[in-house]
Amino acid sequence: MAEPFESSRIQQMRYPLPADVMFEQIRQMLESSKFFRLRSVGPQPLSCVFSTHVSLTAWGEYMNAVVIPDAQGSVVNVKVNANFSTLMQGRRNRKDMERFFTDLNARIDALYHPNGGFVAPRQ
């Protein structure tokens, strides 16, 4: 089935960790990533802007992550803004979003649950 044309995509996940801890893990993940590049932190608390790498199918899309405190820990909201709105871009946006949360979940799992047992966050 064809992906719809889309210029942006938003996704959120809830984590059982405090917002400041989650934001620090996101920042560190982005700083060490080979795929994402941290562009700026702020201006609102616990937010950052980053971009994807440039390739034949990706044009260095900009993404924004905001961590919001929640009664059960925190909510991570991520938005990707495509440089071009094309059929392929909808698929690319979804993959970029999946990669962000996969990398973040792997980092949290390795740091906080080195012997396994991390419960996947709820969407």
N, C-alpha and C. Protein backbone atom coordinates (compact mmCIF):
# COMPACT_ATOMS: atom_id res chain seq x y z
N MET A 1 0.84 -1.19 0.00
CA MET A 1 0.00 0.00 0.00
C MET A 1 0.88 1.24 0.00
N ALA A 2 0.55 2.19 -0.77
CA ALA A 2 1.34 3.41 -0.89
C ALA A 2 1.22 4.26 0.36
N GLU A 3 2.33 4.89 0.71
CA GLU A 3 2.35 5.83 1.83
C GLU A 3 1.76 7.16 1.35
N PRO A 4 1.02 7.86 2.18
CA PRO A 4 0.49 9.16 1.77
C PRO A 4 1.61 10.20 1.70
N PHE A 5 1.40 11.23 0.89
CA PHE A 5 2.35 12.34 0.88
C PHE A 5 2.28 12.98 2.26
N GLU A 6 3.42 13.24 2.83
CA GLU A 6 3.42 13.91 4.12
C GLU A 6 4.67 14.76 4.25
N SER A 7 4.52 15.89 4.87
CA SER A 7 5.66 16.77 5.08
C SER A 7 6.14 16.70 6.52
N SER A 8 5.34 16.14 7.40
CA SER A 8 5.78 15.98 8.79
C SER A 8 5.08 14.78 9.43
N ARG A 9 5.67 14.32 10.51
CA ARG A 9 5.12 13.18 11.24
C ARG A 9 5.43 13.40 12.72
N ILE A 10 4.48 13.08 13.58
CA ILE A 10 4.66 13.23 15.02
C ILE A 10 4.41 11.88 15.68
N GLN A 11 5.26 11.56 16.66
CA GLN A 11 5.08 10.33 17.42
C GLN A 11 5.48 10.60 18.86
N GLN A 12 4.85 9.90 19.78
CA GLN A 12 5.20 10.06 21.18
C GLN A 12 5.25 8.71 21.86
N MET A 13 6.11 8.63 22.89
CA MET A 13 6.20 7.44 23.72
C MET A 13 6.34 7.86 25.17
N ARG A 14 5.77 7.05 26.02
CA ARG A 14 5.83 7.30 27.46
C ARG A 14 6.90 6.40 28.06
N TYR A 15 7.72 6.96 28.96
CA TYR A 15 8.80 6.23 29.61
C TYR A 15 8.64 6.34 31.13
N PRO A 16 9.07 5.31 31.85
CA PRO A 16 8.94 5.33 33.32
C PRO A 16 10.10 6.05 34.01
N LEU A 17 10.80 6.92 33.30
CA LEU A 17 11.94 7.65 33.87
C LEU A 17 11.59 9.14 33.95
N PRO A 18 12.20 9.86 34.91
CA PRO A 18 11.95 11.30 35.02
C PRO A 18 12.34 12.03 33.73
N ALA A 19 11.69 13.14 33.47
CA ALA A 19 11.90 13.90 32.23
C ALA A 19 13.35 14.36 32.07
N ASP A 20 13.97 14.85 33.13
CA ASP A 20 15.35 15.32 32.99
C ASP A 20 16.31 14.18 32.67
N VAL A 21 16.06 13.00 33.20
CA VAL A 21 16.88 11.82 32.90
C VAL A 21 16.68 11.42 31.44
N MET A 22 15.43 11.41 30.98
CA MET A 22 15.14 11.06 29.59
C MET A 22 15.80 12.05 28.63
N PHE A 23 15.70 13.34 28.94
CA PHE A 23 16.29 14.34 28.05
C PHE A 23 17.80 14.17 27.97
N GLU A 24 18.43 13.91 29.09
CA GLU A 24 19.89 13.71 29.08
C GLU A 24 20.27 12.50 28.24
N GLN A 25 19.48 11.44 28.31
CA GLN A 25 19.76 10.25 27.50
C GLN A 25 19.56 10.54 26.01
N ILE A 26 18.55 11.31 25.67
CA ILE A 26 18.33 11.70 24.28
C ILE A 26 19.51 12.54 23.78
N ARG A 27 19.91 13.51 24.57
CA ARG A 27 21.03 14.38 24.18
C ARG A 27 22.30 13.57 23.96
N GLN A 28 22.61 12.68 24.88
CA GLN A 28 23.82 11.85 24.73
C GLN A 28 23.72 10.91 23.53
N MET A 29 22.54 10.34 23.31
CA MET A 29 22.36 9.46 22.16
C MET A 29 22.61 10.22 20.86
N LEU A 30 22.04 11.43 20.75
CA LEU A 30 22.21 12.22 19.54
C LEU A 30 23.65 12.66 19.33
N GLU A 31 24.34 13.00 20.41
CA GLU A 31 25.73 13.42 20.30
C GLU A 31 26.65 12.29 19.82
N SER A 32 26.30 11.05 20.13
CA SER A 32 27.16 9.93 19.74
C SER A 32 26.65 9.19 18.50
N SER A 33 25.54 9.61 17.94
CA SER A 33 24.92 8.92 16.81
C SER A 33 25.67 9.16 15.50
N LYS A 34 25.75 8.11 14.68
CA LYS A 34 26.29 8.24 13.34
C LYS A 34 25.20 8.62 12.34
N PHE A 35 23.95 8.47 12.72
CA PHE A 35 22.82 8.73 11.84
C PHE A 35 22.21 10.12 12.07
N PHE A 36 22.10 10.52 13.34
CA PHE A 36 21.51 11.81 13.70
C PHE A 36 22.60 12.80 14.07
N ARG A 37 22.30 14.08 13.86
CA ARG A 37 23.23 15.14 14.23
C ARG A 37 22.49 16.17 15.09
N LEU A 38 22.95 16.34 16.32
CA LEU A 38 22.34 17.32 17.22
C LEU A 38 22.66 18.72 16.70
N ARG A 39 21.62 19.53 16.51
CA ARG A 39 21.78 20.89 15.98
C ARG A 39 21.71 21.94 17.07
N SER A 40 20.74 21.80 17.99
CA SER A 40 20.61 22.78 19.06
C SER A 40 19.80 22.19 20.21
N VAL A 41 20.00 22.77 21.38
CA VAL A 41 19.25 22.39 22.57
C VAL A 41 18.48 23.62 23.01
N GLY A 42 17.17 23.44 23.31
CA GLY A 42 16.32 24.55 23.73
C GLY A 42 15.62 25.15 22.53
N PRO A 43 14.95 26.27 22.62
CA PRO A 43 14.92 27.22 23.72
C PRO A 43 14.00 26.82 24.86
N GLN A 44 12.98 26.01 24.60
CA GLN A 44 12.14 25.60 25.72
C GLN A 44 12.85 24.49 26.48
N PRO A 45 12.56 24.36 27.76
CA PRO A 45 13.22 23.33 28.55
C PRO A 45 12.99 21.94 27.98
N LEU A 46 14.03 21.14 28.03
CA LEU A 46 13.97 19.73 27.64
C LEU A 46 13.55 19.54 26.18
N SER A 47 14.12 20.34 25.30
CA SER A 47 13.86 20.18 23.87
C SER A 47 15.15 20.30 23.09
N CYS A 48 15.17 19.68 21.92
CA CYS A 48 16.34 19.79 21.06
C CYS A 48 15.93 19.61 19.60
N VAL A 49 16.75 20.12 18.72
CA VAL A 49 16.57 19.98 17.29
C VAL A 49 17.75 19.18 16.76
N PHE A 50 17.46 18.23 15.88
CA PHE A 50 18.51 17.41 15.29
C PHE A 50 18.12 17.08 13.87
N SER A 51 19.06 16.55 13.11
CA SER A 51 18.76 16.22 11.71
C SER A 51 19.25 14.81 11.40
N THR A 52 18.74 14.27 10.29
CA THR A 52 19.18 12.96 9.82
C THR A 52 20.36 13.16 8.87
N HIS A 53 21.01 12.07 8.55
CA HIS A 53 22.12 12.14 7.59
C HIS A 53 21.56 12.39 6.19
N VAL A 54 22.42 12.73 5.27
CA VAL A 54 22.03 12.95 3.89
C VAL A 54 22.41 11.71 3.07
N SER A 55 21.48 11.20 2.27
CA SER A 55 21.74 10.05 1.42
C SER A 55 20.91 10.20 0.14
N LEU A 56 20.84 9.13 -0.65
CA LEU A 56 20.04 9.19 -1.88
C LEU A 56 18.55 9.37 -1.60
N THR A 57 18.08 8.86 -0.45
CA THR A 57 16.65 8.94 -0.14
C THR A 57 16.34 9.87 1.02
N ALA A 58 17.35 10.46 1.63
CA ALA A 58 17.13 11.37 2.75
C ALA A 58 17.88 12.67 2.48
N TRP A 59 17.25 13.79 2.85
CA TRP A 59 17.83 15.08 2.56
C TRP A 59 18.16 15.85 3.83
N GLY A 60 18.54 15.15 4.87
CA GLY A 60 18.89 15.82 6.12
C GLY A 60 17.69 16.46 6.78
N GLU A 61 16.61 15.67 6.93
CA GLU A 61 15.39 16.18 7.54
C GLU A 61 15.65 16.65 8.98
N TYR A 62 14.94 17.70 9.35
CA TYR A 62 15.05 18.20 10.72
C TYR A 62 14.00 17.54 11.60
N MET A 63 14.42 17.21 12.81
CA MET A 63 13.53 16.59 13.79
C MET A 63 13.61 17.39 15.08
N ASN A 64 12.53 17.36 15.85
CA ASN A 64 12.46 18.07 17.11
C ASN A 64 11.98 17.10 18.17
N ALA A 65 12.68 17.04 19.29
CA ALA A 65 12.27 16.20 20.42
C ALA A 65 11.99 17.07 21.63
N VAL A 66 10.87 16.80 22.28
CA VAL A 66 10.49 17.52 23.50
C VAL A 66 10.12 16.47 24.54
N VAL A 67 10.68 16.60 25.73
CA VAL A 67 10.37 15.68 26.83
C VAL A 67 9.49 16.42 27.82
N ILE A 68 8.35 15.80 28.14
CA ILE A 68 7.36 16.42 29.02
C ILE A 68 7.20 15.55 30.26
N PRO A 69 7.30 16.14 31.46
CA PRO A 69 7.06 15.36 32.67
C PRO A 69 5.64 14.79 32.67
N ASP A 70 5.51 13.60 33.24
CA ASP A 70 4.24 12.89 33.26
C ASP A 70 4.11 12.22 34.63
N ALA A 71 2.91 11.93 35.06
CA ALA A 71 2.69 11.29 36.37
C ALA A 71 3.40 9.94 36.48
N GLN A 72 3.59 9.25 35.36
CA GLN A 72 4.24 7.94 35.38
C GLN A 72 5.68 8.00 34.91
N GLY A 73 6.25 9.18 34.75
CA GLY A 73 7.62 9.33 34.29
C GLY A 73 7.73 10.50 33.34
N SER A 74 7.74 10.23 32.04
CA SER A 74 7.83 11.30 31.05
C SER A 74 7.29 10.83 29.71
N VAL A 75 6.97 11.81 28.88
CA VAL A 75 6.50 11.56 27.51
C VAL A 75 7.50 12.22 26.58
N VAL A 76 7.96 11.47 25.58
CA VAL A 76 8.87 12.00 24.58
C VAL A 76 8.07 12.20 23.29
N ASN A 77 7.97 13.47 22.86
CA ASN A 77 7.31 13.83 21.60
C ASN A 77 8.38 14.13 20.57
N VAL A 78 8.27 13.49 19.42
CA VAL A 78 9.24 13.74 18.34
C VAL A 78 8.47 14.08 17.07
N LYS A 79 8.95 15.11 16.39
CA LYS A 79 8.34 15.53 15.12
C LYS A 79 9.44 15.60 14.07
N VAL A 80 9.15 15.05 12.91
CA VAL A 80 10.09 15.15 11.78
C VAL A 80 9.45 16.05 10.73
N ASN A 81 10.25 16.98 10.22
CA ASN A 81 9.82 17.88 9.16
C ASN A 81 10.61 17.55 7.91
N ALA A 82 9.93 17.09 6.88
CA ALA A 82 10.59 16.72 5.64
C ALA A 82 10.99 17.94 4.84
N ASN A 83 12.08 17.81 4.12
CA ASN A 83 12.50 18.89 3.22
C ASN A 83 11.67 18.89 1.95
N PHE A 84 11.18 17.72 1.54
CA PHE A 84 10.34 17.59 0.35
C PHE A 84 9.16 16.70 0.70
N SER A 85 7.99 17.05 0.22
CA SER A 85 6.80 16.24 0.46
C SER A 85 6.59 15.34 -0.76
N THR A 86 7.02 14.10 -0.66
CA THR A 86 6.89 13.16 -1.76
C THR A 86 6.34 11.84 -1.23
N LEU A 87 6.01 10.96 -2.15
CA LEU A 87 5.53 9.64 -1.77
C LEU A 87 6.60 8.89 -0.96
N MET A 88 7.84 8.97 -1.42
CA MET A 88 8.93 8.31 -0.71
C MET A 88 9.17 8.92 0.67
N GLN A 89 8.87 10.20 0.81
CA GLN A 89 9.16 10.88 2.07
C GLN A 89 8.33 10.34 3.21
N GLY A 90 7.08 9.95 2.96
CA GLY A 90 6.26 9.37 4.01
C GLY A 90 6.92 8.13 4.60
N ARG A 91 7.45 7.29 3.75
CA ARG A 91 8.16 6.09 4.19
C ARG A 91 9.44 6.45 4.93
N ARG A 92 10.16 7.44 4.42
CA ARG A 92 11.42 7.87 5.04
C ARG A 92 11.16 8.45 6.43
N ASN A 93 10.11 9.28 6.56
CA ASN A 93 9.77 9.86 7.87
C ASN A 93 9.49 8.77 8.89
N ARG A 94 8.74 7.75 8.49
CA ARG A 94 8.42 6.66 9.39
C ARG A 94 9.70 5.93 9.82
N LYS A 95 10.59 5.68 8.89
CA LYS A 95 11.85 4.99 9.21
C LYS A 95 12.73 5.83 10.13
N ASP A 96 12.79 7.14 9.88
CA ASP A 96 13.58 8.02 10.75
C ASP A 96 13.04 7.99 12.18
N MET A 97 11.72 8.03 12.31
CA MET A 97 11.08 8.00 13.62
C MET A 97 11.36 6.65 14.32
N GLU A 98 11.21 5.57 13.58
CA GLU A 98 11.48 4.24 14.14
C GLU A 98 12.93 4.14 14.60
N ARG A 99 13.84 4.66 13.80
CA ARG A 99 15.26 4.60 14.17
C ARG A 99 15.53 5.39 15.44
N PHE A 100 14.93 6.57 15.56
CA PHE A 100 15.13 7.38 16.76
C PHE A 100 14.70 6.60 18.01
N PHE A 101 13.48 6.07 18.01
CA PHE A 101 12.99 5.37 19.20
C PHE A 101 13.70 4.03 19.41
N THR A 102 14.11 3.35 18.36
CA THR A 102 14.88 2.11 18.51
C THR A 102 16.22 2.41 19.17
N ASP A 103 16.92 3.44 18.69
CA ASP A 103 18.21 3.81 19.28
C ASP A 103 18.05 4.27 20.73
N LEU A 104 17.03 5.06 21.00
CA LEU A 104 16.80 5.53 22.37
C LEU A 104 16.47 4.37 23.30
N ASN A 105 15.58 3.48 22.87
CA ASN A 105 15.22 2.33 23.71
C ASN A 105 16.42 1.43 23.98
N ALA A 106 17.27 1.22 22.98
CA ALA A 106 18.46 0.40 23.16
C ALA A 106 19.41 1.05 24.17
N ARG A 107 19.56 2.36 24.10
CA ARG A 107 20.44 3.07 25.04
C ARG A 107 19.91 2.95 26.48
N ILE A 108 18.63 3.19 26.64
CA ILE A 108 18.04 3.11 27.98
C ILE A 108 18.12 1.68 28.52
N ASP A 109 17.83 0.72 27.66
CA ASP A 109 17.90 -0.69 28.06
C ASP A 109 19.31 -1.05 28.52
N ALA A 110 20.33 -0.62 27.77
CA ALA A 110 21.71 -0.95 28.12
C ALA A 110 22.16 -0.26 29.41
N LEU A 111 21.70 0.96 29.64
CA LEU A 111 22.12 1.71 30.83
C LEU A 111 21.39 1.31 32.10
N TYR A 112 20.09 1.08 31.98
CA TYR A 112 19.29 0.86 33.17
C TYR A 112 18.92 -0.60 33.42
N HIS A 113 19.07 -1.43 32.41
CA HIS A 113 18.72 -2.84 32.55
C HIS A 113 19.74 -3.69 31.81
N PRO A 114 21.02 -3.67 32.26
CA PRO A 114 22.06 -4.39 31.52
C PRO A 114 21.83 -5.90 31.44
N ASN A 115 21.04 -6.45 32.34
CA ASN A 115 20.76 -7.90 32.32
C ASN A 115 19.39 -8.20 31.72
N GLY A 116 18.83 -7.24 31.01
CA GLY A 116 17.51 -7.43 30.38
C GLY A 116 16.42 -6.99 31.33
N GLY A 117 15.20 -7.17 30.91
CA GLY A 117 14.07 -6.87 31.77
C GLY A 117 13.43 -5.52 31.53
N PHE A 118 13.93 -4.74 30.59
CA PHE A 118 13.32 -3.43 30.31
C PHE A 118 11.95 -3.64 29.67
N VAL A 119 10.97 -2.99 30.22
CA VAL A 119 9.63 -3.08 29.67
C VAL A 119 9.51 -2.01 28.59
N ALA A 120 9.15 -2.40 27.40
CA ALA A 120 9.04 -1.46 26.28
C ALA A 120 8.05 -0.35 26.64
N PRO A 121 8.37 0.90 26.28
CA PRO A 121 7.46 2.01 26.58
C PRO A 121 6.17 1.90 25.80
N ARG A 122 5.15 2.53 26.34
CA ARG A 122 3.84 2.56 25.67
C ARG A 122 3.79 3.75 24.73
N GLN A 123 3.11 3.56 23.61
CA GLN A 123 2.94 4.66 22.67
C GLN A 123 1.71 5.44 23.02
